[in-house]
């Protein structure tokens, strides 16, 4: 049995994963801020990290020292964090996922294919809604979908993203990928990618009805990652996309 260690075990995702592990795999243990991450890394076959961006560097260091694969599910990461992941992936298997839902990652695949086949006459907008406590926007999943759309058009998302519009001069830029973020209630996660042209519109979406879907996907990915060689992986690799 593969033993999974949870970093951020008292968070929403950590608790959801721990409950499911009772039936699907082994639980090596869990830590939170101030806990002994090195000890957990040493006793785990694979780690899952749903803590905070500020903890990523130390979490990766502990995983590298122990030679333990690690799944990074923390969102709100910046360029520095991705550079840290790249460095760690030289020594251990690292899977970084903005969203561990299998459905969302299949959606990203569909978005990329759609964007690749439709020309610039089709505007792309991404709308996401999450619970009132979420602090980062656009969500990591919205950015994942934006990256997929940009890749389909052979663009870099940073060059074409429009995040938030306000004021009297907000005309849409041709070829832009727009984002809108909504927050309220207890929404686990709703995402919709709209491809709109004159006279017609395609809407591709995903609705998370419970956090359990992310926990199931994280466990599936962690079990897959446990046997992989050093390198950087994504959820699409788990699905064979």
Protein backbone atom coordinates (compact mmCIF):
# COMPACT_ATOMS: atom_id res chain seq x y z
CA UNK A 1 0.00 0.00 0.00
CA UNK A 2 1.25 3.47 -0.91
CA UNK A 3 1.48 5.78 2.11
CA UNK A 4 0.51 9.39 1.39
CA UNK A 5 1.61 12.28 3.61
CA UNK A 6 -0.55 15.42 3.72
CA UNK A 7 0.96 18.89 4.07
CA UNK A 8 -1.84 21.21 5.14
CA UNK A 9 -3.75 18.40 6.82
CA UNK A 10 -6.14 20.67 8.74
CA UNK A 11 -7.21 22.64 5.69
CA UNK A 12 -10.33 21.90 3.67
CA UNK A 13 -8.51 19.79 1.11
CA UNK A 14 -6.29 18.08 3.66
CA UNK A 15 -9.28 16.92 5.67
CA UNK A 16 -11.13 15.73 2.57
CA UNK A 17 -8.13 13.70 1.41
CA UNK A 18 -7.63 12.13 4.84
CA UNK A 19 -11.24 10.92 4.92
CA UNK A 20 -10.97 9.27 1.49
CA UNK A 21 -7.60 7.70 2.28
CA UNK A 22 -9.31 5.50 4.84
CA UNK A 23 -10.70 3.47 1.92
CA UNK A 24 -8.27 4.02 -0.98
CA UNK A 25 -4.65 4.14 0.26
CA UNK A 26 -2.44 4.50 3.31
CA UNK A 27 -2.19 7.69 5.35
CA UNK A 28 1.39 8.34 6.46
CA UNK A 29 0.30 11.33 8.53
CA UNK A 30 -0.14 15.06 8.20
CA UNK A 31 1.48 18.33 9.19
CA UNK A 32 0.52 21.97 9.26
CA UNK A 33 2.38 25.22 9.92
CA UNK A 34 5.16 24.59 12.43
CA UNK A 35 5.03 20.80 11.99
CA UNK A 36 7.92 18.47 11.22
CA UNK A 37 7.74 18.31 7.43
CA UNK A 38 11.09 16.53 7.17
CA UNK A 39 9.84 13.65 9.33
CA UNK A 40 6.64 13.35 7.29
CA UNK A 41 8.59 13.35 4.03
CA UNK A 42 10.84 10.60 5.34
CA UNK A 43 7.93 8.36 6.34
CA UNK A 44 5.81 8.88 3.19
CA UNK A 45 5.90 7.24 -0.24
CA UNK A 46 4.48 10.43 -1.74
CA UNK A 47 3.46 13.84 -0.40
CA UNK A 48 0.48 16.04 -1.27
CA UNK A 49 0.82 19.74 -0.48
CA UNK A 50 -2.29 21.88 -0.02
CA UNK A 51 -0.76 24.43 2.34
CA UNK A 52 0.30 27.95 1.30
CA UNK A 53 2.63 29.54 -1.27
CA UNK A 54 4.89 30.83 1.52
CA UNK A 55 5.54 27.25 2.64
CA UNK A 56 6.39 25.87 -0.80
CA UNK A 57 10.16 26.36 -0.66
CA UNK A 58 10.56 24.51 2.64
CA UNK A 59 8.13 21.77 1.57
CA UNK A 60 10.08 21.15 -1.63
CA UNK A 61 13.35 21.14 0.28
CA UNK A 62 12.06 18.46 2.65
CA UNK A 63 10.79 16.35 -0.24
CA UNK A 64 14.12 16.63 -2.09
CA UNK A 65 16.09 15.73 1.02
CA UNK A 66 13.98 12.60 1.54
CA UNK A 67 13.74 11.76 -2.16
CA UNK A 68 9.95 11.73 -1.89
CA UNK A 69 7.67 12.62 -4.85
CA UNK A 70 5.35 15.54 -4.14
CA UNK A 71 2.07 16.77 -5.59
CA UNK A 72 1.67 20.55 -5.29
CA UNK A 73 -2.01 21.51 -5.13
CA UNK A 74 -1.42 24.96 -3.61
CA UNK A 75 -2.74 27.81 -5.77
CA UNK A 76 -1.68 31.44 -5.98
CA UNK A 77 1.86 30.55 -7.09
CA UNK A 78 4.10 33.05 -8.86
CA UNK A 79 7.15 32.87 -11.10
CA UNK A 80 9.51 32.34 -8.17
CA UNK A 81 7.48 29.35 -6.99
CA UNK A 82 7.49 27.79 -10.43
CA UNK A 83 11.26 28.21 -10.59
CA UNK A 84 11.51 26.38 -7.26
CA UNK A 85 9.36 23.57 -8.63
CA UNK A 86 11.55 23.35 -11.74
CA UNK A 87 14.63 23.04 -9.56
CA UNK A 88 13.11 20.33 -7.34
CA UNK A 89 11.94 18.36 -10.39
CA UNK A 90 15.58 17.76 -11.31
CA UNK A 91 15.81 15.41 -8.31
CA UNK A 92 12.29 14.15 -7.57
CA UNK A 93 8.95 13.67 -9.29
CA UNK A 94 6.82 16.80 -8.87
CA UNK A 95 3.26 17.24 -10.11
CA UNK A 96 1.91 20.78 -9.91
CA UNK A 97 -1.84 21.04 -10.34
CA UNK A 98 -3.96 24.18 -10.17
CA UNK A 99 -6.92 21.80 -9.95
CA UNK A 100 -6.90 18.07 -9.24
CA UNK A 101 -10.39 17.38 -10.59
CA UNK A 102 -10.22 14.89 -13.44
CA UNK A 103 -13.18 16.64 -15.07
CA UNK A 104 -11.53 20.06 -14.98
CA UNK A 105 -8.36 18.72 -16.56
CA UNK A 106 -10.34 17.04 -19.32
CA UNK A 107 -12.12 20.39 -19.80
CA UNK A 108 -8.75 22.10 -20.26
CA UNK A 109 -7.95 19.57 -22.99
CA UNK A 110 -11.23 20.37 -24.75
CA UNK A 111 -10.64 24.13 -24.44
CA UNK A 112 -7.21 23.85 -25.99
CA UNK A 113 -8.59 21.85 -28.93
CA UNK A 114 -11.47 24.29 -29.45
CA UNK A 115 -9.21 27.34 -29.35
CA UNK A 116 -6.83 25.72 -31.83
CA UNK A 117 -9.63 25.19 -34.35
CA UNK A 118 -11.37 28.55 -34.10
CA UNK A 119 -9.78 31.73 -35.43
CA UNK A 120 -9.47 35.18 -33.85
CA UNK A 121 -13.07 36.02 -34.79
CA UNK A 122 -14.00 33.97 -31.71
CA UNK A 123 -13.58 35.87 -28.45
CA UNK A 124 -12.62 33.86 -25.38
CA UNK A 125 -13.88 34.75 -21.91
CA UNK A 126 -13.47 32.75 -18.69
CA UNK A 127 -15.87 33.16 -15.77
CA UNK A 128 -15.24 31.55 -12.38
CA UNK A 129 -17.03 31.57 -9.03
CA UNK A 130 -15.81 30.34 -5.65
CA UNK A 131 -16.74 30.52 -1.98
CA UNK A 132 -16.49 33.80 -0.11
CA UNK A 133 -13.23 32.84 1.65
CA UNK A 134 -11.09 32.35 -1.46
CA UNK A 135 -8.39 35.01 -1.57
CA UNK A 136 -6.70 34.66 -4.99
CA UNK A 137 -8.30 35.75 -8.26
CA UNK A 138 -8.54 34.69 -10.99
CA UNK A 139 -8.56 31.19 -9.57
CA UNK A 140 -5.78 28.77 -10.37
CA UNK A 141 -8.27 26.74 -12.38
CA UNK A 142 -9.34 29.77 -14.42
CA UNK A 143 -5.69 30.42 -15.22
CA UNK A 144 -5.24 26.75 -16.12
CA UNK A 145 -8.10 27.07 -18.61
CA UNK A 146 -6.67 30.35 -19.89
CA UNK A 147 -3.30 28.70 -20.43
CA UNK A 148 -5.03 25.93 -22.37
CA UNK A 149 -6.85 28.43 -24.59
CA UNK A 150 -3.66 30.41 -25.19
CA UNK A 151 -1.71 27.26 -26.00
CA UNK A 152 -4.35 26.29 -28.53
CA UNK A 153 -3.76 29.60 -30.27
CA UNK A 154 0.02 29.37 -29.85
CA UNK A 155 0.02 32.40 -27.57
CA UNK A 156 1.43 33.19 -24.14
CA UNK A 157 -1.37 33.87 -21.66
CA UNK A 158 0.52 36.74 -20.05
CA UNK A 159 0.51 38.56 -23.40
CA UNK A 160 -3.24 38.30 -24.01
CA UNK A 161 -4.95 38.06 -20.61
CA UNK A 162 -7.41 40.76 -19.52
CA UNK A 163 -8.09 40.34 -15.80
CA UNK A 164 -10.94 42.49 -14.56
CA UNK A 165 -12.56 45.37 -16.38
CA UNK A 166 -13.85 48.59 -14.81
CA UNK A 167 -14.40 52.13 -15.96
CA UNK A 168 -15.55 53.80 -19.16
CA UNK A 169 -12.79 52.65 -21.51
CA UNK A 170 -12.96 48.85 -21.42
CA UNK A 171 -13.29 47.97 -25.07
CA UNK A 172 -12.29 44.37 -25.65
CA UNK A 173 -8.85 43.86 -27.21
CA UNK A 174 -8.90 41.64 -30.28
CA UNK A 175 -7.46 38.24 -29.46
CA UNK A 176 -7.64 38.78 -25.70
CA UNK A 177 -8.58 36.10 -23.19
CA UNK A 178 -10.77 37.75 -20.57
CA UNK A 179 -11.33 36.73 -16.95
CA UNK A 180 -14.15 37.48 -14.53
CA UNK A 181 -14.07 36.35 -10.89
CA UNK A 182 -17.13 35.98 -8.65
CA UNK A 183 -17.06 35.23 -4.91
CA UNK A 184 -19.89 34.25 -2.60
CA UNK A 185 -21.47 31.63 -0.38
CA UNK A 186 -19.96 28.17 -0.21
CA UNK A 187 -19.39 27.51 -3.93
CA UNK A 188 -16.74 24.81 -4.33
CA UNK A 189 -15.88 25.95 -7.84
CA UNK A 190 -17.72 26.86 -11.05
CA UNK A 191 -15.82 27.53 -14.28
CA UNK A 192 -17.12 28.45 -17.71
CA UNK A 193 -15.16 29.10 -20.88
CA UNK A 194 -17.14 31.08 -23.44
CA UNK A 195 -16.10 31.21 -27.08
CA UNK A 196 -18.22 33.85 -28.77
CA UNK A 197 -18.44 34.88 -32.43
CA UNK A 198 -20.99 36.94 -34.33
CA UNK A 199 -24.27 35.09 -34.13
CA UNK A 200 -23.11 32.04 -32.15
CA UNK A 201 -21.51 31.03 -28.88
CA UNK A 202 -19.90 27.88 -27.47
CA UNK A 203 -19.87 27.36 -23.70
CA UNK A 204 -17.64 24.74 -22.09
CA UNK A 205 -17.93 24.41 -18.34
CA UNK A 206 -17.46 22.45 -15.18
CA UNK A 207 -19.27 22.66 -11.86
CA UNK A 208 -17.77 21.23 -8.69
CA UNK A 209 -20.57 20.10 -6.39
CA UNK A 210 -18.28 19.08 -3.54
CA UNK A 211 -14.62 19.27 -2.55
CA UNK A 212 -14.50 15.48 -2.64
CA UNK A 213 -13.88 15.50 -6.41
CA UNK A 214 -10.60 17.35 -5.87
CA UNK A 215 -9.59 14.94 -3.12
CA UNK A 216 -10.32 11.91 -5.31
CA UNK A 217 -8.29 13.38 -8.16
CA UNK A 218 -5.41 14.28 -5.82
CA UNK A 219 -5.25 10.73 -4.48
CA UNK A 220 -5.33 9.23 -7.99
CA UNK A 221 -2.55 11.60 -9.07
CA UNK A 222 -0.46 10.93 -5.96
CA UNK A 223 -0.66 7.16 -6.44
CA UNK A 224 0.40 7.61 -10.08
CA UNK A 225 3.23 9.99 -9.12
CA UNK A 226 4.67 7.66 -6.49
CA UNK A 227 6.17 5.42 -9.19
CA UNK A 228 7.40 8.12 -11.56
CA UNK A 229 11.04 9.16 -12.12
CA UNK A 230 12.27 12.69 -11.38
CA UNK A 231 10.62 15.32 -13.53
CA UNK A 232 7.82 17.85 -13.63
CA UNK A 233 4.34 16.52 -14.36
CA UNK A 234 0.79 17.82 -14.78
CA UNK A 235 -2.66 16.28 -14.34
CA UNK A 236 -2.89 15.71 -18.09
CA UNK A 237 -0.07 13.18 -17.71
CA UNK A 238 -2.14 11.26 -15.17
CA UNK A 239 -5.03 11.14 -17.67
CA UNK A 240 -2.77 10.27 -20.60
CA UNK A 241 -3.73 13.45 -22.48
